[in-house]
Amino acid sequence: QVQLVESGGGLVQPGGSLRLSCAASGSIFSFVTMGWYRQAPGEERELVAKIGSSGRTTYTDSVKGRFTISRDNARNTAYLQMNSLKPEDTAVYYCRTDWNSALYWGQGTLVTVSE
């Protein structure tokens, strides 16, 4: 069983920055891929970025150059640094991993980009 807990969301003005954290329970963190997803009102959940156990990263086009995903295996934590935020980045952000054919999601953290 893996538990994921996100934090770091909030209200920020356009052009601002936030850093999201995803703390994972258990001892398998260093072996798994961690992903950040988001879901805006009325929209489907979409992949934002993911980082493999090797550190290889993937980003959706709309966040390339603005967001950075990272991980600290010693702290069992994944991060999403979000810079140059835009109103269209407003969404609930979730972290996700999979292990032994099971998917695990956090509860989500709300990011609102508005004046």
Protein backbone atom coordinates (compact mmCIF):
# COMPACT_ATOMS: atom_id res chain seq x y z
CA GLN A 1 0.00 0.00 0.00
CA VAL A 2 1.27 3.46 -0.95
CA GLN A 3 -0.09 6.72 0.38
CA LEU A 4 0.54 10.02 -1.36
CA VAL A 5 -0.02 13.41 0.23
CA GLU A 6 0.22 16.61 -1.80
CA SER A 7 0.82 20.09 -0.43
CA GLY A 8 1.81 23.54 -1.61
CA GLY A 9 -1.21 24.68 -3.57
CA GLY A 10 -2.80 28.08 -3.17
CA LEU A 11 -3.74 31.35 -4.81
CA VAL A 12 -1.09 33.09 -6.90
CA GLN A 13 -1.11 35.97 -9.37
CA PRO A 14 -0.31 35.42 -13.04
CA GLY A 15 3.44 35.27 -13.50
CA GLY A 16 3.96 33.97 -9.99
CA SER A 17 5.43 30.71 -8.73
CA LEU A 18 4.45 27.80 -6.52
CA ARG A 19 6.15 24.59 -5.51
CA LEU A 20 4.04 21.50 -4.96
CA SER A 21 5.23 18.56 -2.87
CA CYS A 22 4.10 14.95 -2.89
CA ALA A 23 5.16 12.89 0.12
CA ALA A 24 4.97 9.13 -0.29
CA SER A 25 4.77 6.43 2.34
CA GLY A 26 6.56 3.11 2.11
CA SER A 27 9.97 1.97 1.03
CA ILE A 28 9.47 1.70 -2.73
CA PHE A 29 9.70 5.38 -3.61
CA SER A 30 13.12 5.26 -5.24
CA PHE A 31 11.96 2.50 -7.60
CA VAL A 32 8.79 4.09 -8.97
CA THR A 33 7.84 6.70 -11.53
CA MET A 34 6.11 9.72 -10.01
CA GLY A 35 3.66 11.78 -12.00
CA TRP A 36 1.88 15.08 -11.54
CA TYR A 37 -1.57 15.42 -13.09
CA ARG A 38 -4.12 18.20 -13.05
CA GLN A 39 -7.83 18.56 -13.54
CA ALA A 40 -9.49 21.86 -14.30
CA PRO A 41 -13.25 22.37 -13.77
CA GLY A 42 -15.19 20.63 -16.52
CA GLU A 43 -12.05 19.11 -17.99
CA GLU A 44 -10.50 15.68 -17.99
CA ARG A 45 -7.49 14.93 -15.81
CA GLU A 46 -4.27 15.36 -17.76
CA LEU A 47 -0.63 14.48 -17.26
CA VAL A 48 1.53 17.50 -16.45
CA ALA A 49 4.93 15.89 -15.85
CA LYS A 50 6.50 12.66 -14.72
CA ILE A 51 9.89 11.54 -13.46
CA GLY A 52 11.23 8.03 -13.61
CA SER A 53 13.35 6.21 -11.08
CA SER A 54 16.39 7.14 -13.18
CA GLY A 55 15.45 10.82 -13.08
CA ARG A 56 14.29 10.98 -16.67
CA THR A 57 11.55 13.58 -17.05
CA THR A 58 8.61 14.14 -19.39
CA TYR A 59 6.44 17.26 -19.67
CA THR A 60 3.25 18.14 -21.46
CA ASP A 61 3.88 20.83 -24.08
CA SER A 62 1.92 23.56 -22.31
CA VAL A 63 4.27 23.58 -19.28
CA LYS A 64 7.64 23.02 -20.92
CA GLY A 65 10.10 25.70 -19.88
CA ARG A 66 7.90 26.80 -16.97
CA PHE A 67 7.49 23.73 -14.74
CA THR A 68 10.18 21.46 -13.33
CA ILE A 69 9.56 18.07 -11.77
CA SER A 70 12.13 16.63 -9.36
CA ARG A 71 12.43 14.02 -6.66
CA ASP A 72 14.29 13.53 -3.40
CA ASN A 73 14.52 9.80 -2.73
CA ALA A 74 15.95 10.35 0.74
CA ARG A 75 12.77 12.23 1.68
CA ASN A 76 10.36 10.06 -0.35
CA THR A 77 9.10 13.26 -1.92
CA ALA A 78 8.42 14.48 -5.43
CA TYR A 79 8.17 18.16 -6.32
CA LEU A 80 6.67 20.29 -9.04
CA GLN A 81 8.18 23.75 -9.32
CA MET A 82 5.79 25.95 -11.26
CA ASN A 83 6.99 29.30 -12.59
CA SER A 84 5.41 31.92 -14.87
CA LEU A 85 1.98 30.65 -13.88
CA LYS A 86 -0.98 31.44 -16.12
CA PRO A 87 -4.71 31.50 -15.38
CA GLU A 88 -5.08 28.38 -17.52
CA ASP A 89 -2.87 26.52 -15.04
CA THR A 90 -5.71 26.75 -12.51
CA ALA A 91 -6.65 23.20 -11.51
CA VAL A 92 -6.51 20.60 -8.80
CA TYR A 93 -3.06 19.00 -9.00
CA TYR A 94 -2.63 15.34 -8.13
CA CYS A 95 0.41 13.13 -7.80
CA ARG A 96 0.29 9.54 -8.91
CA THR A 97 2.39 6.43 -8.91
CA ASP A 98 1.89 2.77 -9.74
CA TRP A 99 3.29 -0.30 -8.03
CA ASN A 100 2.49 -3.98 -8.45
CA SER A 101 -0.20 -3.22 -11.05
CA ALA A 102 -2.01 -0.80 -8.73
CA LEU A 103 -2.44 2.94 -9.22
CA TYR A 104 -2.11 5.29 -6.29
CA TRP A 105 -3.35 8.90 -6.22
CA GLY A 106 -3.04 11.67 -3.71
CA GLN A 107 -6.01 13.71 -2.55
CA GLY A 108 -5.06 16.71 -4.69
CA THR A 109 -4.09 20.28 -4.00
CA LEU A 110 -5.83 23.29 -5.55
CA VAL A 111 -3.83 25.83 -7.54
CA THR A 112 -5.63 29.04 -8.48
CA VAL A 113 -3.94 31.58 -10.74
CA SER A 114 -5.84 34.84 -10.67
CA GLU A 115 -5.42 38.58 -10.14
